[in-house]
Amino acid sequence: MTIIDGLRDKHKKFIYQDFSVDLDGQDLLITFSFLITPGLSFQPKTVIKNAASRVSKIDPQLLNNLVFHLGLIEAFSYWKAACPSIIEIQPAYLSDQQKNWWLNLLKQGMGEFFFKNKIDWRVKDFVTIVGSGENQYKPKILSLPLRSLVLVGGGKDSAVSVEVLKQLKEQPIAMMVNPTEAAKQIVKIANLKDRVTVSRKIDPQLLVLNRRGYLNGHTPFSAYLGFLSLLVGGLFGWRNLVASNERSSDEPNTEYLGQAINHQYSKSWEFEQGFRQYTAKYISSSFNYFSLVRPLWEIQISKIFSRLPQYFSAFRSCNRGQRDNSWCGRCPKCLSVYLLLLPFLKEKTAIIFGKDLLADPALKPVLNALTDENQSKPFECVATREEILASLDNRPQKLLADWGEDKFLSQSQKNLLKQLAYA
């Protein structure tokens, strides 16, 4: 019997029991209650800073619907510990169409998790969503101003989105989740006066279980950010919810059991379209979630970013270096960002990273993984193989000629992005 078989045999049901919304001084405290039978309970918390005063200004049913949905995506992080075959939803009713949408997100968004843990999700009745909740939330029509909430994570993509919005004479609001020093610095450099800080707290019991042999792995975090942005937008009354996910995120990393496995699935165009449709049908059609840089390859974003020197010392994209706000200089993410900037910044690129990464022999295997189609692409948010090869050959214009359309961008946004990417 495999580890996964033993866990699923012991733990047959995951239950999303309830959620609570409480005022904690000036902050809004949200607590979710999850249970893996028998006996494994979790209570993760989300704190939205300075949001307590906004609760009285939002429709209670809409608030509950938004929090309920945030709990649905949060549940993935706890279900994965044992992958029970039944997911029971108790706080509210889900239609068959909603259940199918969530099952698809689980199977696509958890693809990397299944791949790395050698889990065959295709087996009959691998996972079924059942509902016992009777409260059925109805979508609401809202009157929201056209202000833009931008998800800022500390990398170059969100910095470009902020600067594009500023050139469009907007005053964007920053949303930061467990903000890194890089995210704080980008917001400071951009001089964004309005910001929302969110603290997401994992239940420590989950980490204890991981040390005991329960499963761990990647979850679709950008989907979590999407649902969180809906909640923040609803609370503060903002319509445009702006992500910074480029078209390069559509390229999968590998294939497993006949399915393309994409580390960035919840950044993909497929997810973005499905998320918008789901939001309009089951939450509110008044929200406008979209990625501002969706029409651009990551190499195009890098070209735009190369003209924003004020951010060079502040931005960070390295997951390993988050704690000490550094570029580790050893991982696929560092090498990918380095190579994308190299055609535009030349020797300045090495200054940003502290060394010439291409001169480091230890990075040769990483470079091979980024470029060799016979290998799995590294499971990080890295560029497409074609972009990496174009950067190495110093011929990025080949990709810059391949332009795409995004019907959710206004014509002025398209024109500005195109101008910046080609100039």
Protein backbone atom coordinates (compact mmCIF):
# COMPACT_ATOMS: atom_id res chain seq x y z
CA MET A 1 0.00 0.00 0.00
CA THR A 2 1.35 3.44 -0.97
CA ILE A 3 1.45 6.44 1.38
CA ILE A 4 -1.45 8.08 -0.42
CA ASP A 5 -3.53 4.88 -0.30
CA GLY A 6 -2.89 4.57 3.44
CA LEU A 7 -3.88 8.18 4.11
CA ARG A 8 -7.03 7.96 1.98
CA ASP A 9 -8.02 4.70 3.65
CA LYS A 10 -7.63 6.26 7.10
CA HIS A 11 -9.12 9.67 6.28
CA LYS A 12 -12.19 9.36 4.09
CA LYS A 13 -13.76 12.79 4.38
CA PHE A 14 -12.73 16.44 4.36
CA ILE A 15 -15.36 18.80 5.79
CA TYR A 16 -15.55 22.56 5.28
CA GLN A 17 -17.51 23.13 8.49
CA ASP A 18 -17.93 26.86 8.89
CA PHE A 19 -16.42 30.33 8.79
CA SER A 20 -16.64 33.33 11.08
CA VAL A 21 -16.20 37.05 10.50
CA ASP A 22 -15.17 39.09 13.54
CA LEU A 23 -13.97 42.59 14.29
CA ASP A 24 -10.54 42.75 15.90
CA GLY A 25 -9.95 46.39 16.71
CA GLN A 26 -9.61 48.12 13.35
CA ASP A 27 -9.01 44.83 11.54
CA LEU A 28 -11.32 42.18 10.11
CA LEU A 29 -10.59 38.67 11.35
CA ILE A 30 -11.81 35.70 9.30
CA THR A 31 -11.54 32.16 10.65
CA PHE A 32 -12.26 28.98 8.71
CA SER A 33 -13.07 25.63 10.31
CA PHE A 34 -11.98 22.50 8.45
CA LEU A 35 -12.01 18.85 9.54
CA ILE A 36 -10.38 15.74 8.14
CA THR A 37 -12.12 12.76 9.67
CA PRO A 38 -11.28 11.34 12.04
CA GLY A 39 -9.99 13.99 14.36
CA LEU A 40 -7.81 16.38 12.32
CA SER A 41 -9.16 19.91 12.73
CA PHE A 42 -7.80 23.17 11.33
CA GLN A 43 -8.62 26.82 11.86
CA PRO A 44 -6.64 29.00 9.47
CA LYS A 45 -7.10 32.75 9.80
CA THR A 46 -7.07 35.72 7.45
CA VAL A 47 -6.72 39.24 8.79
CA ILE A 48 -7.58 42.22 6.56
CA LYS A 49 -5.99 45.28 8.09
CA ASN A 50 -8.12 48.38 8.73
CA ALA A 51 -11.22 46.76 7.25
CA ALA A 52 -13.45 46.63 10.36
CA SER A 53 -15.15 49.92 9.51
CA ARG A 54 -16.13 48.60 6.08
CA VAL A 55 -18.28 45.73 7.32
CA SER A 56 -21.30 47.95 7.96
CA LYS A 57 -21.09 49.26 4.37
CA ILE A 58 -21.38 45.92 2.57
CA ASP A 59 -24.45 43.73 2.06
CA PRO A 60 -24.22 40.96 4.71
CA GLN A 61 -25.17 38.23 2.23
CA LEU A 62 -22.51 39.40 -0.21
CA LEU A 63 -19.90 39.52 2.55
CA ASN A 64 -20.75 35.98 3.61
CA ASN A 65 -20.66 34.77 0.02
CA LEU A 66 -17.24 36.32 -0.54
CA VAL A 67 -15.83 34.85 2.68
CA PHE A 68 -17.43 31.46 1.94
CA HIS A 69 -15.68 31.35 -1.43
CA LEU A 70 -12.34 32.37 0.07
CA GLY A 71 -12.77 29.37 2.37
CA LEU A 72 -13.37 27.06 -0.60
CA ILE A 73 -9.99 27.89 -2.14
CA GLU A 74 -8.27 27.92 1.28
CA ALA A 75 -9.53 24.37 1.80
CA PHE A 76 -7.20 23.02 -0.90
CA SER A 77 -4.18 23.57 1.38
CA TYR A 78 -5.69 21.29 4.03
CA TRP A 79 -7.44 18.69 1.88
CA LYS A 80 -4.10 17.85 0.26
CA ALA A 81 -2.68 16.55 3.56
CA ALA A 82 -4.55 13.25 3.09
CA CYS A 83 -6.59 13.72 -0.12
CA PRO A 84 -9.86 12.29 1.27
CA SER A 85 -12.23 10.99 -1.38
CA ILE A 86 -15.15 13.12 -0.15
CA ILE A 87 -15.19 16.89 0.29
CA GLU A 88 -18.29 17.97 2.20
CA ILE A 89 -19.34 21.62 2.05
CA GLN A 90 -21.49 22.64 5.03
CA PRO A 91 -21.66 26.49 5.14
CA ALA A 92 -23.64 26.98 1.93
CA TYR A 93 -25.23 25.30 -1.06
CA LEU A 94 -23.28 24.55 -4.23
CA SER A 95 -25.00 23.69 -7.51
CA ASP A 96 -23.77 20.80 -9.65
CA GLN A 97 -22.21 23.34 -12.02
CA GLN A 98 -20.31 24.93 -9.15
CA LYS A 99 -19.10 21.55 -7.89
CA ASN A 100 -17.82 20.69 -11.36
CA TRP A 101 -16.02 24.04 -11.58
CA TRP A 102 -14.27 23.44 -8.27
CA LEU A 103 -13.39 19.84 -9.16
CA ASN A 104 -11.80 21.07 -12.39
CA LEU A 105 -9.81 23.70 -10.49
CA LEU A 106 -8.66 21.06 -8.01
CA LYS A 107 -7.53 18.65 -10.72
CA GLN A 108 -5.86 21.32 -12.89
CA GLY A 109 -4.53 23.59 -10.16
CA MET A 110 -3.18 20.67 -8.09
CA GLY A 111 -1.52 19.01 -11.08
CA GLU A 112 1.99 19.67 -9.80
CA PHE A 113 1.03 18.27 -6.40
CA PHE A 114 -0.29 15.07 -8.01
CA PHE A 115 2.80 14.78 -10.22
CA LYS A 116 5.31 15.17 -7.40
CA ASN A 117 3.44 12.85 -5.03
CA LYS A 118 2.77 10.29 -7.80
CA ILE A 119 -1.01 10.44 -7.32
CA ASP A 120 -3.39 9.13 -9.98
CA TRP A 121 -6.40 11.43 -9.78
CA ARG A 122 -8.07 9.57 -12.67
CA VAL A 123 -9.20 6.62 -10.55
CA LYS A 124 -12.94 6.26 -10.17
CA ASP A 125 -14.38 8.41 -7.37
CA PHE A 126 -10.97 9.89 -6.58
CA VAL A 127 -12.72 12.91 -5.12
CA THR A 128 -16.37 13.92 -4.92
CA ILE A 129 -17.79 17.19 -3.65
CA VAL A 130 -21.00 16.83 -1.67
CA GLY A 131 -23.05 19.58 -0.10
CA SER A 132 -25.04 19.66 3.10
CA GLY A 133 -25.42 23.44 3.35
CA GLU A 134 -28.85 24.93 2.74
CA ASN A 135 -27.94 28.62 2.60
CA GLN A 136 -27.90 29.53 -1.09
CA TYR A 137 -26.15 32.79 -1.90
CA LYS A 138 -27.44 34.87 -4.80
CA PRO A 139 -25.20 37.04 -7.01
CA LYS A 140 -25.43 40.77 -6.31
CA ILE A 141 -25.32 43.80 -8.59
CA LEU A 142 -23.14 46.53 -7.10
CA SER A 143 -22.40 50.15 -7.87
CA LEU A 144 -18.62 50.35 -7.76
CA PRO A 145 -16.24 53.14 -8.84
CA LEU A 146 -13.69 52.32 -11.52
CA ARG A 147 -10.70 52.37 -9.21
CA SER A 148 -8.13 49.59 -9.60
CA LEU A 149 -6.86 47.30 -6.85
CA VAL A 150 -3.48 45.89 -7.92
CA LEU A 151 -2.06 42.70 -6.46
CA VAL A 152 1.56 43.57 -5.56
CA GLY A 153 3.90 40.70 -4.81
CA GLY A 154 7.32 42.29 -5.14
CA GLY A 155 8.26 41.23 -8.68
CA LYS A 156 8.69 43.15 -11.91
CA ASP A 157 5.26 42.26 -13.36
CA SER A 158 3.18 44.04 -10.72
CA ALA A 159 5.55 47.02 -10.84
CA VAL A 160 4.85 47.30 -14.58
CA SER A 161 1.09 47.08 -13.98
CA VAL A 162 1.28 49.88 -11.41
CA GLU A 163 3.26 52.13 -13.74
CA VAL A 164 0.93 51.48 -16.68
CA LEU A 165 -2.09 52.42 -14.56
CA LYS A 166 -0.33 55.56 -13.39
CA GLN A 167 0.36 56.53 -17.01
CA LEU A 168 -3.35 56.05 -17.66
CA LYS A 169 -3.89 58.72 -14.96
CA GLU A 170 -5.31 56.22 -12.47
CA GLN A 171 -4.57 56.09 -8.76
CA PRO A 172 -4.19 52.36 -8.11
CA ILE A 173 -4.57 50.76 -4.70
CA ALA A 174 -2.04 48.10 -3.66
CA MET A 175 -3.07 44.78 -2.12
CA MET A 176 -0.27 42.90 -0.36
CA VAL A 177 -0.55 39.49 1.31
CA ASN A 178 2.02 38.70 4.00
CA PRO A 179 4.08 41.41 2.28
CA THR A 180 7.75 40.88 1.61
CA GLU A 181 10.21 43.72 1.94
CA ALA A 182 10.29 43.89 -1.87
CA ALA A 183 6.52 44.39 -2.07
CA LYS A 184 6.66 47.15 0.53
CA GLN A 185 9.48 48.88 -1.34
CA ILE A 186 7.67 48.73 -4.68
CA VAL A 187 4.59 50.32 -3.13
CA LYS A 188 6.78 52.98 -1.55
CA ILE A 189 8.69 53.76 -4.75
CA ALA A 190 5.44 53.89 -6.74
CA ASN A 191 4.11 56.34 -4.12
CA LEU A 192 0.86 54.45 -3.72
CA LYS A 193 -0.96 56.18 -0.90
CA ASP A 194 -3.81 53.68 -0.69
CA ARG A 195 -2.96 50.11 0.25
CA VAL A 196 -4.55 47.06 1.85
CA THR A 197 -2.43 44.61 3.82
CA VAL A 198 -3.65 41.07 4.43
CA SER A 199 -2.19 38.54 6.82
CA ARG A 200 -2.81 34.90 5.92
CA LYS A 201 -2.04 32.53 8.78
CA ILE A 202 -1.64 28.80 8.17
CA ASP A 203 -2.86 26.55 10.98
CA PRO A 204 0.36 25.21 12.57
CA GLN A 205 -1.27 21.79 12.89
CA LEU A 206 -0.81 21.37 9.14
CA LEU A 207 2.95 21.79 9.46
CA VAL A 208 3.00 19.23 12.29
CA LEU A 209 1.20 16.73 10.06
CA ASN A 210 3.67 17.36 7.23
CA ARG A 211 6.51 16.41 9.55
CA ARG A 212 4.61 13.22 10.42
CA GLY A 213 4.43 12.15 6.79
CA TYR A 214 1.18 13.72 5.62
CA LEU A 215 1.33 15.14 2.12
CA ASN A 216 2.51 18.59 1.13
CA GLY A 217 2.89 20.42 -2.16
CA HIS A 218 1.87 23.18 -4.50
CA THR A 219 -1.63 24.69 -4.48
CA PRO A 220 -3.07 27.27 -6.94
CA PHE A 221 -2.11 30.35 -4.92
CA SER A 222 -3.07 32.83 -7.63
CA ALA A 223 -6.62 31.47 -7.43
CA TYR A 224 -6.53 32.24 -3.71
CA LEU A 225 -5.39 35.78 -4.54
CA GLY A 226 -8.25 36.10 -7.02
CA PHE A 227 -10.91 35.23 -4.45
CA LEU A 228 -9.19 37.40 -1.85
CA SER A 229 -9.21 40.36 -4.25
CA LEU A 230 -12.98 39.91 -4.68
CA LEU A 231 -13.42 40.11 -0.91
CA VAL A 232 -11.18 43.18 -0.56
CA GLY A 233 -12.84 44.84 -3.56
CA GLY A 234 -16.27 44.15 -2.09
CA LEU A 235 -15.35 45.50 1.32
CA PHE A 236 -13.75 48.72 0.10
CA GLY A 237 -15.91 49.24 -2.97
CA TRP A 238 -13.44 48.81 -5.83
CA ARG A 239 -14.41 47.35 -9.17
CA ASN A 240 -11.19 46.62 -11.09
CA LEU A 241 -9.14 43.82 -9.56
CA VAL A 242 -5.83 43.77 -11.40
CA ALA A 243 -3.47 40.80 -11.53
CA SER A 244 -0.17 40.74 -13.43
CA ASN A 245 -0.16 37.34 -15.15
CA GLU A 246 1.46 37.28 -18.57
CA ARG A 247 0.68 35.00 -21.53
CA SER A 248 3.90 33.04 -20.89
CA SER A 249 2.19 31.43 -17.90
CA ASP A 250 0.14 29.27 -20.29
CA GLU A 251 3.11 27.02 -21.08
CA PRO A 252 2.98 23.75 -19.08
CA ASN A 253 5.96 22.29 -17.24
CA THR A 254 5.47 18.66 -18.15
CA GLU A 255 2.85 16.00 -18.85
CA TYR A 256 1.60 13.43 -16.37
CA LEU A 257 -0.98 10.70 -16.93
CA GLY A 258 -2.12 12.37 -20.13
CA GLN A 259 -2.63 15.81 -18.60
CA ALA A 260 -0.52 18.92 -19.07
CA ILE A 261 0.92 19.95 -15.69
CA ASN A 262 1.30 23.69 -15.25
CA HIS A 263 2.83 25.20 -12.11
CA GLN A 264 1.19 28.47 -13.14
CA TYR A 265 -2.27 27.11 -13.98
CA SER A 266 -4.10 29.67 -11.84
CA LYS A 267 -2.16 32.41 -13.68
CA SER A 268 -3.23 31.05 -17.06
CA TRP A 269 -5.67 32.55 -19.54
CA GLU A 270 -7.85 29.46 -19.18
CA PHE A 271 -8.21 30.04 -15.45
CA GLU A 272 -8.74 33.78 -15.83
CA GLN A 273 -11.63 33.27 -18.24
CA GLY A 274 -13.23 30.61 -16.05
CA PHE A 275 -12.77 32.70 -12.91
CA ARG A 276 -14.44 35.74 -14.49
CA GLN A 277 -17.39 33.64 -15.66
CA TYR A 278 -17.77 31.96 -12.28
CA THR A 279 -17.58 35.29 -10.43
CA ALA A 280 -20.23 36.90 -12.63
CA LYS A 281 -22.63 33.96 -12.25
CA TYR A 282 -22.27 33.14 -8.57
CA ILE A 283 -20.88 36.24 -6.80
CA SER A 284 -21.29 39.49 -8.74
CA SER A 285 -20.96 40.61 -12.35
CA SER A 286 -19.94 44.04 -11.02
CA PHE A 287 -16.37 42.93 -10.33
CA ASN A 288 -13.81 43.16 -13.13
CA TYR A 289 -10.94 40.77 -12.40
CA PHE A 290 -8.29 40.70 -15.13
CA SER A 291 -4.57 40.59 -15.74
CA LEU A 292 -3.38 43.90 -17.15
CA VAL A 293 -0.32 42.36 -18.82
CA ARG A 294 -2.12 39.29 -20.22
CA PRO A 295 -1.37 40.20 -23.89
CA LEU A 296 2.37 40.33 -23.20
CA TRP A 297 5.05 37.67 -23.16
CA GLU A 298 7.23 37.87 -20.08
CA ILE A 299 10.10 39.05 -22.25
CA GLN A 300 7.97 42.02 -23.31
CA ILE A 301 7.26 42.83 -19.68
CA SER A 302 11.00 42.64 -19.03
CA LYS A 303 11.62 45.17 -21.79
CA ILE A 304 9.12 47.58 -20.23
CA PHE A 305 10.60 46.99 -16.78
CA SER A 306 14.10 47.71 -18.09
CA ARG A 307 12.95 51.34 -18.48
CA LEU A 308 11.97 51.59 -14.81
CA PRO A 309 15.36 51.88 -13.04
CA GLN A 310 13.77 53.15 -9.85
CA TYR A 311 12.73 49.57 -9.10
CA PHE A 312 15.99 47.77 -9.93
CA SER A 313 17.31 47.65 -6.36
CA ALA A 314 13.92 46.88 -4.82
CA PHE A 315 12.22 44.13 -6.82
CA ARG A 316 12.66 40.46 -5.93
CA SER A 317 11.21 37.33 -7.52
CA CYS A 318 13.29 34.65 -5.81
CA ASN A 319 11.21 32.43 -3.51
CA ARG A 320 14.28 31.11 -1.70
CA GLY A 321 15.50 34.61 -0.89
CA GLN A 322 12.24 36.04 0.45
CA ARG A 323 13.23 35.87 4.11
CA ASP A 324 16.37 37.95 3.71
CA ASN A 325 15.12 39.96 0.69
CA SER A 326 17.79 38.65 -1.66
CA TRP A 327 18.37 36.90 -4.97
CA CYS A 328 19.75 33.46 -4.12
CA GLY A 329 21.44 33.30 -7.54
CA ARG A 330 21.06 29.51 -7.69
CA CYS A 331 17.43 28.78 -8.57
CA PRO A 332 15.48 28.61 -11.86
CA LYS A 333 13.54 31.75 -10.97
CA CYS A 334 16.69 33.82 -10.53
CA LEU A 335 18.18 32.54 -13.78
CA SER A 336 14.94 33.08 -15.72
CA VAL A 337 14.59 36.71 -14.60
CA TYR A 338 18.29 37.32 -15.22
CA LEU A 339 18.10 36.03 -18.79
CA LEU A 340 14.94 37.98 -19.61
CA LEU A 341 16.54 41.26 -18.53
CA LEU A 342 19.92 40.56 -20.11
CA PRO A 343 19.09 41.65 -23.71
CA PHE A 344 17.85 45.02 -22.45
CA LEU A 345 20.11 45.84 -19.49
CA LYS A 346 23.35 44.13 -20.59
CA GLU A 347 26.02 44.48 -17.88
CA LYS A 348 23.56 46.16 -15.48
CA THR A 349 21.86 42.78 -15.07
CA ALA A 350 24.84 41.34 -13.22
CA ILE A 351 24.82 44.36 -10.90
CA ILE A 352 21.19 43.67 -9.95
CA PHE A 353 21.92 40.01 -9.15
CA GLY A 354 25.36 40.54 -7.66
CA LYS A 355 27.12 38.38 -10.27
CA ASP A 356 26.98 37.09 -13.83
CA LEU A 357 24.73 34.06 -13.45
CA LEU A 358 25.73 32.69 -16.86
CA ALA A 359 29.33 32.47 -15.65
CA ASP A 360 28.37 30.21 -12.75
CA PRO A 361 28.99 26.54 -13.72
CA ALA A 362 26.66 25.39 -10.94
CA LEU A 363 23.74 26.86 -12.90
CA LYS A 364 24.39 24.77 -16.02
CA PRO A 365 21.87 22.06 -15.00
CA VAL A 366 19.29 24.78 -14.27
CA LEU A 367 19.86 26.33 -17.68
CA ASN A 368 19.49 22.92 -19.32
CA ALA A 369 16.15 22.41 -17.55
CA LEU A 370 14.96 25.81 -18.77
CA THR A 371 15.88 25.13 -22.39
CA ASP A 372 15.75 21.35 -23.01
CA GLU A 373 12.37 20.16 -24.28
CA ASN A 374 13.23 16.63 -23.19
CA GLN A 375 13.26 17.71 -19.54
CA SER A 376 10.46 18.90 -17.31
CA LYS A 377 10.49 22.68 -17.09
CA PRO A 378 11.30 23.76 -13.51
CA PHE A 379 8.24 24.07 -11.29
CA GLU A 380 8.56 27.78 -10.70
CA CYS A 381 7.15 30.89 -12.38
CA VAL A 382 9.70 30.98 -15.20
CA ALA A 383 9.64 32.09 -18.82
CA THR A 384 8.80 29.89 -21.78
CA ARG A 385 11.62 27.92 -23.37
CA GLU A 386 11.34 30.04 -26.51
CA GLU A 387 11.83 33.22 -24.50
CA ILE A 388 14.88 31.82 -22.71
CA LEU A 389 16.44 30.74 -26.02
CA ALA A 390 15.65 34.11 -27.61
CA SER A 391 17.34 35.89 -24.71
CA LEU A 392 20.42 33.67 -24.93
CA ASP A 393 20.67 34.40 -28.66
CA ASN A 394 19.97 38.11 -28.09
CA ARG A 395 17.02 38.06 -30.47
CA PRO A 396 14.02 39.05 -28.35
CA GLN A 397 12.47 41.00 -31.24
CA LYS A 398 11.31 37.68 -32.71
CA LEU A 399 8.92 37.24 -29.83
CA LEU A 400 8.03 40.91 -29.61
CA ALA A 401 6.52 40.60 -33.08
CA ASP A 402 3.98 38.05 -31.86
CA TRP A 403 1.15 40.20 -30.55
CA GLY A 404 -2.07 38.97 -28.91
CA GLU A 405 -5.42 40.49 -28.05
CA ASP A 406 -7.27 40.56 -24.77
CA LYS A 407 -10.90 41.57 -24.99
CA PHE A 408 -10.99 42.61 -21.33
CA LEU A 409 -8.51 45.44 -21.78
CA SER A 410 -9.68 48.83 -22.93
CA GLN A 411 -8.29 50.12 -26.20
CA SER A 412 -6.24 52.75 -24.37
CA GLN A 413 -4.66 50.04 -22.22
CA LYS A 414 -3.87 47.92 -25.27
CA ASN A 415 -2.36 50.88 -27.09
CA LEU A 416 -0.19 51.86 -24.15
CA LEU A 417 1.04 48.31 -23.53
CA LYS A 418 1.79 47.87 -27.20
CA GLN A 419 3.64 51.17 -27.33
CA LEU A 420 5.73 50.30 -24.29
CA ALA A 421 6.48 46.76 -25.44
CA TYR A 422 7.60 47.73 -28.93
CA ALA A 423 9.25 51.11 -28.44
